[in-house]
Protein backbone atom coordinates (compact mmCIF):
# COMPACT_ATOMS: atom_id res chain seq x y z
CA MET A 1 0.00 0.00 0.00
CA LYS A 2 2.90 2.39 0.59
CA PHE A 3 3.63 2.46 -3.17
CA LYS A 4 0.06 3.40 -4.11
CA PHE A 5 0.94 6.96 -5.13
CA VAL A 6 4.31 6.22 -6.80
CA PRO A 7 2.83 5.76 -10.32
CA ASN A 8 1.01 9.09 -10.02
CA VAL A 9 4.17 10.82 -8.83
CA ILE A 10 6.01 9.38 -11.84
CA SER A 11 3.28 10.68 -14.19
CA ILE A 12 3.51 14.14 -12.58
CA LEU A 13 7.28 13.97 -12.95
CA ARG A 14 6.82 13.21 -16.68
CA ILE A 15 4.71 16.36 -17.04
CA ALA A 16 7.42 18.46 -15.36
CA LEU A 17 10.21 16.81 -17.35
CA SER A 18 8.30 17.29 -20.61
CA LEU A 19 7.83 20.97 -19.90
CA SER A 20 11.52 21.31 -18.99
CA LEU A 21 12.38 20.21 -22.55
CA LEU A 22 11.20 23.65 -23.66
CA PHE A 23 14.15 25.21 -21.82
CA VAL A 24 17.08 23.10 -23.05
CA ASP A 25 18.86 23.12 -26.39
CA LEU A 26 17.48 20.67 -28.93
CA PHE A 27 19.67 17.55 -29.28
CA SER A 28 21.99 18.61 -26.46
CA TRP A 29 22.96 15.91 -23.95
CA LYS A 30 20.53 17.51 -21.47
CA PHE A 31 17.69 17.28 -24.00
CA VAL A 32 18.45 13.63 -24.79
CA PHE A 33 18.76 12.75 -21.10
CA ILE A 34 15.45 14.42 -20.15
CA TYR A 35 13.74 12.95 -23.22
CA LEU A 36 14.90 9.45 -22.24
CA LEU A 37 13.70 10.03 -18.66
CA CYS A 38 10.29 11.01 -20.04
CA GLY A 39 10.16 7.79 -22.04
CA MET A 40 11.23 5.65 -19.09
CA SER A 41 8.66 7.32 -16.83
CA ASP A 42 5.94 6.56 -19.38
CA VAL A 43 6.79 2.86 -19.15
CA LEU A 44 7.38 2.82 -15.40
CA ASP A 45 4.18 4.47 -14.17
CA GLY A 46 1.91 1.83 -15.71
CA TYR A 47 4.23 -1.04 -14.86
CA ILE A 48 4.47 -0.03 -11.20
CA ALA A 49 0.71 0.59 -11.00
CA ARG A 50 -0.01 -2.91 -12.30
CA ARG A 51 2.66 -4.59 -10.15
CA THR A 52 1.48 -2.88 -6.96
CA LYS A 53 -2.21 -3.21 -7.92
CA SER A 54 -2.59 0.53 -7.51
CA GLN A 55 -4.28 1.27 -10.85
CA SER A 56 -6.97 3.92 -10.61
CA ILE A 57 -9.14 5.99 -12.88
CA PHE A 58 -7.32 9.08 -11.63
CA GLY A 59 -3.95 7.45 -12.39
CA ALA A 60 -5.07 6.49 -15.90
CA LYS A 61 -6.26 10.07 -16.54
CA LEU A 62 -3.02 11.45 -15.12
CA ASP A 63 -1.01 9.13 -17.38
CA THR A 64 -3.05 10.26 -20.40
CA THR A 65 -2.53 13.91 -19.40
CA ALA A 66 1.22 13.33 -19.09
CA ASP A 67 1.23 11.67 -22.52
CA ILE A 68 -0.65 14.60 -24.06
CA VAL A 69 1.67 17.17 -22.44
CA MET A 70 4.75 15.31 -23.63
CA PHE A 71 3.33 14.91 -27.14
CA ALA A 72 2.37 18.61 -27.32
CA VAL A 73 5.81 19.73 -26.12
CA ILE A 74 7.57 17.46 -28.62
CA LEU A 75 5.34 18.72 -31.42
CA TYR A 76 6.05 22.31 -30.44
CA ILE A 77 9.79 21.66 -30.40
CA PHE A 78 10.03 19.59 -33.57
CA ILE A 79 7.48 21.18 -35.93
CA PRO A 80 9.95 23.94 -36.88
CA VAL A 81 12.70 21.33 -37.43
CA ILE A 82 10.76 18.85 -39.59
CA THR A 83 9.70 19.66 -43.13
CA LEU A 84 6.46 17.75 -43.69
CA SER A 85 4.71 17.32 -46.99
CA ASN A 86 1.10 18.44 -47.35
CA ARG A 87 0.12 14.76 -47.55
CA ILE A 88 1.62 14.02 -44.14
CA ILE A 89 0.13 17.18 -42.61
CA ILE A 90 -3.34 16.23 -43.86
CA TRP A 91 -2.79 12.68 -42.61
CA LEU A 92 -1.78 13.96 -39.15
CA PHE A 93 -4.83 16.23 -38.96
CA THR A 94 -7.04 13.30 -39.98
CA ILE A 95 -5.59 11.17 -37.17
CA LEU A 96 -6.14 14.07 -34.76
CA LEU A 97 -9.74 14.48 -35.96
CA ILE A 98 -10.45 10.76 -35.42
CA ARG A 99 -8.96 11.02 -31.91
CA ILE A 100 -11.07 14.09 -31.11
CA ILE A 101 -14.25 12.39 -32.36
CA SER A 102 -13.38 9.37 -30.22
CA ILE A 103 -12.88 11.55 -27.12
CA ILE A 104 -16.21 13.30 -27.78
CA ILE A 105 -18.00 9.95 -28.08
CA VAL A 106 -16.49 8.80 -24.78
CA TYR A 107 -17.53 12.02 -23.11
CA PHE A 108 -21.14 11.78 -24.27
CA LYS A 109 -21.41 8.05 -23.50
CA TYR A 110 -19.63 7.99 -20.13
CA LYS A 111 -19.32 11.65 -19.05
CA VAL A 112 -15.54 11.39 -18.82
CA PHE A 113 -12.56 12.39 -20.94
CA ALA A 114 -10.44 9.31 -21.56
CA MET A 115 -8.23 7.50 -24.03
CA LEU A 116 -7.91 3.74 -24.08
CA HIS A 117 -4.74 1.86 -23.22
CA THR A 118 -4.90 -0.57 -26.15
CA TYR A 119 -1.88 -2.40 -27.48
CA SER A 120 -2.05 -0.33 -30.67
CA ASN A 121 -2.06 2.92 -28.66
CA LYS A 122 0.96 1.70 -26.70
CA ILE A 123 2.78 0.73 -29.91
CA THR A 124 1.93 4.13 -31.42
CA GLY A 125 3.30 5.87 -28.33
CA LEU A 126 6.49 3.82 -28.48
CA LEU A 127 6.98 4.57 -32.17
CA LEU A 128 6.27 8.26 -31.64
CA PHE A 129 8.92 8.28 -28.95
CA PHE A 130 11.55 7.18 -31.49
CA VAL A 131 10.56 9.60 -34.31
CA PRO A 132 12.74 12.47 -32.98
CA ILE A 133 15.75 10.17 -33.07
CA ALA A 134 15.22 9.67 -36.82
CA ILE A 135 15.01 13.38 -37.64
CA GLY A 136 17.71 14.37 -40.07
CA SER A 137 18.46 10.79 -41.08
CA PRO A 138 17.66 9.27 -44.50
CA LEU A 139 14.96 7.20 -42.75
CA GLU A 140 13.08 10.24 -41.43
CA ILE A 141 10.29 10.27 -44.04
CA PRO A 142 9.75 6.47 -44.27
CA ILE A 143 9.59 6.31 -40.47
CA ILE A 144 7.07 9.17 -40.35
CA TYR A 145 4.89 7.37 -42.93
CA PHE A 146 5.12 4.13 -40.95
CA VAL A 147 4.22 5.84 -37.68
CA CYS A 148 1.31 7.66 -39.36
CA PHE A 149 0.01 4.31 -40.64
CA ILE A 150 0.21 2.68 -37.19
CA ALA A 151 -1.30 5.79 -35.55
CA SER A 152 -4.18 5.67 -38.06
CA VAL A 153 -4.91 2.03 -37.30
CA SER A 154 -4.73 2.80 -33.58
CA ALA A 155 -7.05 5.83 -33.81
CA ILE A 156 -9.60 3.92 -35.89
CA GLU A 157 -9.46 0.97 -33.51
CA GLU A 158 -10.07 3.22 -30.50
CA LEU A 159 -12.94 4.96 -32.28
CA LEU A 160 -14.58 1.62 -33.10
CA ILE A 161 -14.14 0.36 -29.54
CA ASN A 162 -15.70 3.54 -28.18
CA ILE A 163 -18.63 3.29 -30.59
CA LEU A 164 -19.28 -0.42 -29.96
CA SER A 165 -18.55 -0.75 -26.24
CA LYS A 166 -21.30 -0.88 -23.65
CA SER A 167 -19.06 0.23 -20.78
CA MET A 168 -15.86 2.18 -20.28
CA GLU A 169 -12.87 -0.11 -20.02
CA LEU A 170 -9.67 1.94 -20.17
CA ASP A 171 -7.34 -1.06 -20.22
CA ILE A 172 -9.02 -2.96 -23.06
CA LYS A 173 -6.28 -4.63 -25.11
CA SER A 174 -7.78 -4.40 -28.61
CA ILE A 175 -10.95 -4.39 -30.67
CA PHE A 176 -10.63 -8.17 -30.80
CA THR A 177 -11.02 -8.32 -27.02
CA LEU A 178 -14.31 -6.44 -27.34
CA LEU A 179 -15.53 -8.56 -30.26
CA SER A 180 -14.64 -11.85 -28.57
CA VAL A 181 -16.87 -10.98 -25.61
CA ARG A 182 -19.90 -10.48 -27.85
């Protein structure tokens, strides 16, 4: 029981670390170190919560908030550095639109703002974490296309789960989990 709040502290730490990235030089050792800490904290908070059986709705929301803050900070930092084609920009806005529609559906169905912790969302998060490492390399554009594809599948899966589900289950593993119950 004494570790109950550790995952939430780690999520709060990720928010603070993410915001601190705004104040260090891009690609400096400090930036890389803080960025890696953010990534490790994203893995650790959920792992510790599951291992100590201290998962909570508040913790899940805090984790999602930390993910959104980190993603927003990284976007803010890297948008000026990456040259994206119109096709990729439209694709990214489409993914964002699907995510927003999904969040709106969840809000109207369950009166809560939430994103699911599906395997595809976790894979998307992991891939997004590695995109900045590829910036400037010859693999930058193919990696961005690959991540956009996976993020599209993930967003569509979450939307379908939210449309089809009868109850809110944040830790649902995939659409197949939902369909196998029916």
